[in-house]
Amino acid sequence: MEILGFPVDAAGRCKHYHGENDIVSIKFKCCNSYYPCYKCHDESTDHERQIWAKGEFDEKAILCGNCFHQLTINEYIHNQKCCKCNASFNPNCANHYSKYFEM
């Protein structure tokens, strides 16, 4: 899976968010491409960001940067770690859910 935007390492950390647990990339509905964060998307594209509707939360749209397993949106928002490798995700990402998902 290719991670677009401004990743700084193979786990998907980017120039905006590069803490130990910042290992999630999100597939944006508008362009079907993975970016480390909404800022990377907005700085890299010439279109408006679209958010995933609640009825689409079974879509595999989250990429774990530790094992590269694709999670559904539901798996991601209801857990603080990867359901395959148990890598912990940054709990502060929940503060930005509304930038990606209909909440």
N, C-alpha and C. Protein backbone atom coordinates (compact mmCIF):
# COMPACT_ATOMS: atom_id res chain seq x y z
N MET A 1 0.84 -1.18 0.00
CA MET A 1 0.00 0.00 0.00
C MET A 1 0.88 1.24 0.00
N GLU A 2 0.62 2.14 -0.88
CA GLU A 2 1.38 3.38 -0.93
C GLU A 2 0.73 4.41 -0.03
N ILE A 3 1.53 5.07 0.78
CA ILE A 3 1.07 6.14 1.65
C ILE A 3 1.54 7.45 1.02
N LEU A 4 0.58 8.28 0.64
CA LEU A 4 0.89 9.55 -0.01
C LEU A 4 1.03 10.65 1.04
N GLY A 5 1.35 11.84 0.58
CA GLY A 5 1.48 12.97 1.50
C GLY A 5 2.92 13.18 1.88
N PHE A 6 3.15 13.33 3.18
CA PHE A 6 4.49 13.65 3.67
C PHE A 6 4.93 12.68 4.76
N PRO A 7 4.91 11.36 4.44
CA PRO A 7 5.37 10.41 5.47
C PRO A 7 6.87 10.58 5.70
N VAL A 8 7.27 10.36 6.94
CA VAL A 8 8.70 10.47 7.27
C VAL A 8 9.32 9.10 7.54
N ASP A 9 8.46 8.07 7.62
CA ASP A 9 9.00 6.72 7.78
C ASP A 9 8.01 5.71 7.21
N ALA A 10 8.41 4.46 7.17
CA ALA A 10 7.61 3.39 6.56
C ALA A 10 6.33 3.09 7.35
N ALA A 11 6.27 3.50 8.61
CA ALA A 11 5.08 3.24 9.43
C ALA A 11 3.98 4.27 9.21
N GLY A 12 4.24 5.28 8.39
CA GLY A 12 3.23 6.28 8.09
C GLY A 12 3.24 7.51 8.97
N ARG A 13 4.22 7.62 9.85
CA ARG A 13 4.33 8.88 10.60
C ARG A 13 4.63 9.98 9.58
N CYS A 14 4.16 11.18 9.85
CA CYS A 14 4.34 12.24 8.87
C CYS A 14 4.96 13.48 9.51
N LYS A 15 5.16 14.48 8.69
CA LYS A 15 5.78 15.71 9.20
C LYS A 15 4.88 16.41 10.21
N HIS A 16 3.58 16.11 10.20
CA HIS A 16 2.65 16.75 11.13
C HIS A 16 2.50 15.96 12.43
N TYR A 17 2.44 14.64 12.32
CA TYR A 17 2.22 13.75 13.47
C TYR A 17 3.24 12.62 13.38
N HIS A 18 4.20 12.64 14.28
CA HIS A 18 5.28 11.66 14.18
C HIS A 18 5.68 11.08 15.54
N GLY A 19 4.70 10.96 16.42
CA GLY A 19 4.94 10.33 17.71
C GLY A 19 5.02 8.81 17.57
N GLU A 20 5.41 8.16 18.61
CA GLU A 20 5.60 6.71 18.60
C GLU A 20 4.34 5.96 18.13
N ASN A 21 3.16 6.41 18.55
CA ASN A 21 1.92 5.71 18.22
C ASN A 21 1.19 6.29 17.01
N ASP A 22 1.79 7.21 16.30
CA ASP A 22 1.17 7.80 15.10
C ASP A 22 1.46 6.90 13.89
N ILE A 23 0.87 5.71 13.91
CA ILE A 23 1.17 4.71 12.88
C ILE A 23 -0.06 4.34 12.05
N VAL A 24 -1.04 5.21 12.01
CA VAL A 24 -2.25 4.94 11.24
C VAL A 24 -2.28 5.83 10.01
N SER A 25 -2.59 5.24 8.85
CA SER A 25 -2.88 6.02 7.65
C SER A 25 -4.33 5.76 7.29
N ILE A 26 -4.96 6.77 6.71
CA ILE A 26 -6.39 6.71 6.44
C ILE A 26 -6.63 6.83 4.95
N LYS A 27 -7.48 5.92 4.43
CA LYS A 27 -7.89 6.01 3.03
C LYS A 27 -8.99 7.07 2.94
N PHE A 28 -8.74 8.08 2.16
CA PHE A 28 -9.72 9.16 2.01
C PHE A 28 -10.75 8.77 0.96
N LYS A 29 -12.00 8.95 1.33
CA LYS A 29 -13.11 8.57 0.47
C LYS A 29 -13.06 9.30 -0.87
N CYS A 30 -12.66 10.55 -0.86
CA CYS A 30 -12.69 11.39 -2.06
C CYS A 30 -11.72 10.93 -3.14
N CYS A 31 -10.62 10.32 -2.77
CA CYS A 31 -9.61 9.96 -3.76
C CYS A 31 -9.13 8.52 -3.64
N ASN A 32 -9.70 7.77 -2.68
CA ASN A 32 -9.37 6.36 -2.52
C ASN A 32 -7.87 6.14 -2.32
N SER A 33 -7.23 7.08 -1.63
CA SER A 33 -5.79 7.02 -1.40
C SER A 33 -5.49 7.16 0.09
N TYR A 34 -4.43 6.48 0.52
CA TYR A 34 -4.00 6.55 1.92
C TYR A 34 -3.09 7.74 2.16
N TYR A 35 -3.39 8.48 3.24
CA TYR A 35 -2.56 9.59 3.72
C TYR A 35 -2.38 9.42 5.22
N PRO A 36 -1.26 9.90 5.77
CA PRO A 36 -1.04 9.80 7.22
C PRO A 36 -2.01 10.66 8.03
N CYS A 37 -2.47 11.78 7.45
CA CYS A 37 -3.36 12.67 8.19
C CYS A 37 -4.09 13.59 7.23
N TYR A 38 -5.07 14.30 7.76
CA TYR A 38 -5.85 15.22 6.94
C TYR A 38 -5.01 16.38 6.43
N LYS A 39 -4.00 16.79 7.19
CA LYS A 39 -3.15 17.89 6.74
C LYS A 39 -2.33 17.47 5.52
N CYS A 40 -1.80 16.24 5.55
CA CYS A 40 -1.05 15.73 4.39
C CYS A 40 -1.96 15.68 3.16
N HIS A 41 -3.19 15.20 3.35
CA HIS A 41 -4.14 15.15 2.24
C HIS A 41 -4.39 16.54 1.69
N ASP A 42 -4.72 17.48 2.56
CA ASP A 42 -5.09 18.82 2.11
C ASP A 42 -3.92 19.55 1.43
N GLU A 43 -2.71 19.30 1.89
CA GLU A 43 -1.53 19.95 1.30
C GLU A 43 -1.09 19.29 0.00
N SER A 44 -1.56 18.07 -0.25
CA SER A 44 -1.11 17.30 -1.42
C SER A 44 -2.11 17.24 -2.56
N THR A 45 -3.36 17.63 -2.31
CA THR A 45 -4.39 17.47 -3.34
C THR A 45 -5.01 18.82 -3.68
N ASP A 46 -5.77 18.81 -4.76
CA ASP A 46 -6.46 20.03 -5.19
C ASP A 46 -7.98 19.85 -5.11
N HIS A 47 -8.43 18.94 -4.25
CA HIS A 47 -9.86 18.73 -4.07
C HIS A 47 -10.21 18.74 -2.59
N GLU A 48 -11.51 18.93 -2.32
CA GLU A 48 -11.97 18.94 -0.94
C GLU A 48 -12.03 17.54 -0.37
N ARG A 49 -11.71 17.46 0.88
CA ARG A 49 -11.77 16.21 1.62
C ARG A 49 -13.23 15.79 1.78
N GLN A 50 -13.52 14.50 1.62
CA GLN A 50 -14.84 13.95 1.91
C GLN A 50 -14.71 13.02 3.09
N ILE A 51 -15.74 13.01 3.95
CA ILE A 51 -15.69 12.12 5.11
C ILE A 51 -16.53 10.88 4.85
N TRP A 52 -16.18 9.82 5.55
CA TRP A 52 -16.92 8.56 5.45
C TRP A 52 -18.21 8.68 6.23
N ALA A 53 -19.34 8.28 5.63
CA ALA A 53 -20.64 8.30 6.29
C ALA A 53 -20.74 7.13 7.27
N LYS A 54 -21.59 7.26 8.28
CA LYS A 54 -21.75 6.20 9.29
C LYS A 54 -22.09 4.86 8.65
N GLY A 55 -22.86 4.85 7.59
CA GLY A 55 -23.22 3.62 6.91
C GLY A 55 -22.08 2.96 6.16
N GLU A 56 -20.93 3.61 6.12
CA GLU A 56 -19.76 3.08 5.41
C GLU A 56 -18.64 2.62 6.36
N PHE A 57 -18.94 2.52 7.64
CA PHE A 57 -17.91 2.22 8.63
C PHE A 57 -17.40 0.77 8.57
N ASP A 58 -17.98 -0.07 7.70
CA ASP A 58 -17.43 -1.41 7.51
C ASP A 58 -16.41 -1.44 6.37
N GLU A 59 -16.15 -0.28 5.80
CA GLU A 59 -15.15 -0.14 4.74
C GLU A 59 -13.75 -0.26 5.34
N LYS A 60 -12.88 -1.01 4.66
CA LYS A 60 -11.49 -1.09 5.09
C LYS A 60 -10.79 0.18 4.63
N ALA A 61 -10.60 1.10 5.55
CA ALA A 61 -10.06 2.42 5.21
C ALA A 61 -8.96 2.86 6.16
N ILE A 62 -8.46 1.95 6.98
CA ILE A 62 -7.41 2.28 7.95
C ILE A 62 -6.25 1.31 7.73
N LEU A 63 -5.05 1.84 7.68
CA LEU A 63 -3.86 1.02 7.47
C LEU A 63 -2.97 1.12 8.70
N CYS A 64 -2.71 -0.03 9.31
CA CYS A 64 -1.77 -0.08 10.44
C CYS A 64 -0.36 0.02 9.89
N GLY A 65 0.40 0.99 10.37
CA GLY A 65 1.76 1.19 9.90
C GLY A 65 2.75 0.19 10.47
N ASN A 66 2.32 -0.60 11.46
CA ASN A 66 3.20 -1.61 12.04
C ASN A 66 3.18 -2.90 11.21
N CYS A 67 1.98 -3.38 10.86
CA CYS A 67 1.88 -4.67 10.14
C CYS A 67 1.22 -4.53 8.77
N PHE A 68 0.75 -3.33 8.44
CA PHE A 68 0.11 -3.01 7.16
C PHE A 68 -1.20 -3.76 6.93
N HIS A 69 -1.83 -4.16 8.02
CA HIS A 69 -3.17 -4.74 7.97
C HIS A 69 -4.17 -3.62 7.75
N GLN A 70 -5.17 -3.87 6.92
CA GLN A 70 -6.23 -2.90 6.71
C GLN A 70 -7.38 -3.19 7.67
N LEU A 71 -7.77 -2.19 8.41
CA LEU A 71 -8.87 -2.31 9.36
C LEU A 71 -10.09 -1.58 8.82
N THR A 72 -11.25 -2.01 9.26
CA THR A 72 -12.45 -1.24 8.95
C THR A 72 -12.47 0.00 9.83
N ILE A 73 -13.27 0.95 9.45
CA ILE A 73 -13.41 2.16 10.27
C ILE A 73 -13.95 1.78 11.64
N ASN A 74 -14.93 0.88 11.69
CA ASN A 74 -15.47 0.43 12.97
C ASN A 74 -14.39 -0.20 13.85
N GLU A 75 -13.55 -1.05 13.28
CA GLU A 75 -12.47 -1.67 14.07
C GLU A 75 -11.55 -0.60 14.64
N TYR A 76 -11.28 0.42 13.85
CA TYR A 76 -10.38 1.47 14.28
C TYR A 76 -10.98 2.35 15.39
N ILE A 77 -12.19 2.83 15.18
CA ILE A 77 -12.74 3.79 16.15
C ILE A 77 -13.17 3.13 17.46
N HIS A 78 -13.31 1.81 17.46
CA HIS A 78 -13.73 1.13 18.69
C HIS A 78 -12.58 0.44 19.42
N ASN A 79 -11.36 0.61 18.92
CA ASN A 79 -10.19 0.01 19.55
C ASN A 79 -9.06 1.02 19.57
N GLN A 80 -8.14 0.84 20.46
CA GLN A 80 -6.97 1.71 20.53
C GLN A 80 -5.72 1.01 20.01
N LYS A 81 -5.95 -0.15 19.34
CA LYS A 81 -4.81 -0.88 18.79
C LYS A 81 -5.24 -1.71 17.59
N CYS A 82 -4.25 -2.19 16.87
CA CYS A 82 -4.50 -3.00 15.68
C CYS A 82 -5.08 -4.36 16.09
N CYS A 83 -6.12 -4.80 15.39
CA CYS A 83 -6.75 -6.08 15.71
C CYS A 83 -5.91 -7.26 15.21
N LYS A 84 -4.85 -7.02 14.44
CA LYS A 84 -3.99 -8.11 13.98
C LYS A 84 -2.69 -8.20 14.79
N CYS A 85 -1.98 -7.08 14.95
CA CYS A 85 -0.66 -7.13 15.58
C CYS A 85 -0.63 -6.53 16.99
N ASN A 86 -1.74 -5.94 17.43
CA ASN A 86 -1.85 -5.33 18.76
C ASN A 86 -1.03 -4.06 18.95
N ALA A 87 -0.51 -3.49 17.87
CA ALA A 87 0.22 -2.22 17.99
C ALA A 87 -0.74 -1.15 18.49
N SER A 88 -0.30 -0.35 19.43
CA SER A 88 -1.13 0.72 19.99
C SER A 88 -1.18 1.92 19.06
N PHE A 89 -2.38 2.51 18.95
CA PHE A 89 -2.57 3.72 18.17
C PHE A 89 -2.64 4.92 19.12
N ASN A 90 -2.39 6.09 18.59
CA ASN A 90 -2.44 7.31 19.38
C ASN A 90 -3.89 7.61 19.78
N PRO A 91 -4.21 7.59 21.07
CA PRO A 91 -5.59 7.86 21.49
C PRO A 91 -6.05 9.28 21.17
N ASN A 92 -5.11 10.21 20.98
CA ASN A 92 -5.46 11.59 20.66
C ASN A 92 -6.00 11.74 19.23
N CYS A 93 -5.83 10.72 18.40
CA CYS A 93 -6.39 10.78 17.05
C CYS A 93 -7.91 10.91 17.09
N ALA A 94 -8.52 10.43 18.16
CA ALA A 94 -9.98 10.54 18.30
C ALA A 94 -10.43 12.00 18.24
N ASN A 95 -9.56 12.92 18.60
CA ASN A 95 -9.90 14.34 18.55
C ASN A 95 -10.14 14.82 17.11
N HIS A 96 -9.66 14.05 16.13
CA HIS A 96 -9.77 14.44 14.72
C HIS A 96 -10.73 13.55 13.93
N TYR A 97 -11.44 12.65 14.57
CA TYR A 97 -12.33 11.74 13.85
C TYR A 97 -13.28 12.48 12.92
N SER A 98 -13.78 13.62 13.35
CA SER A 98 -14.77 14.35 12.54
C SER A 98 -14.17 14.87 11.23
N LYS A 99 -12.87 14.87 11.11
CA LYS A 99 -12.22 15.28 9.87
C LYS A 99 -12.21 14.15 8.85
N TYR A 100 -12.50 12.92 9.32
CA TYR A 100 -12.46 11.73 8.47
C TYR A 100 -13.80 11.00 8.40
N PHE A 101 -14.53 11.02 9.51
CA PHE A 101 -15.72 10.18 9.65
C PHE A 101 -16.92 11.00 10.13
N GLU A 102 -18.10 10.61 9.66
CA GLU A 102 -19.33 11.21 10.17
C GLU A 102 -19.53 10.73 11.61
N MET A 103 -19.55 11.64 12.55
CA MET A 103 -19.64 11.26 13.96
C MET A 103 -20.93 11.67 14.57
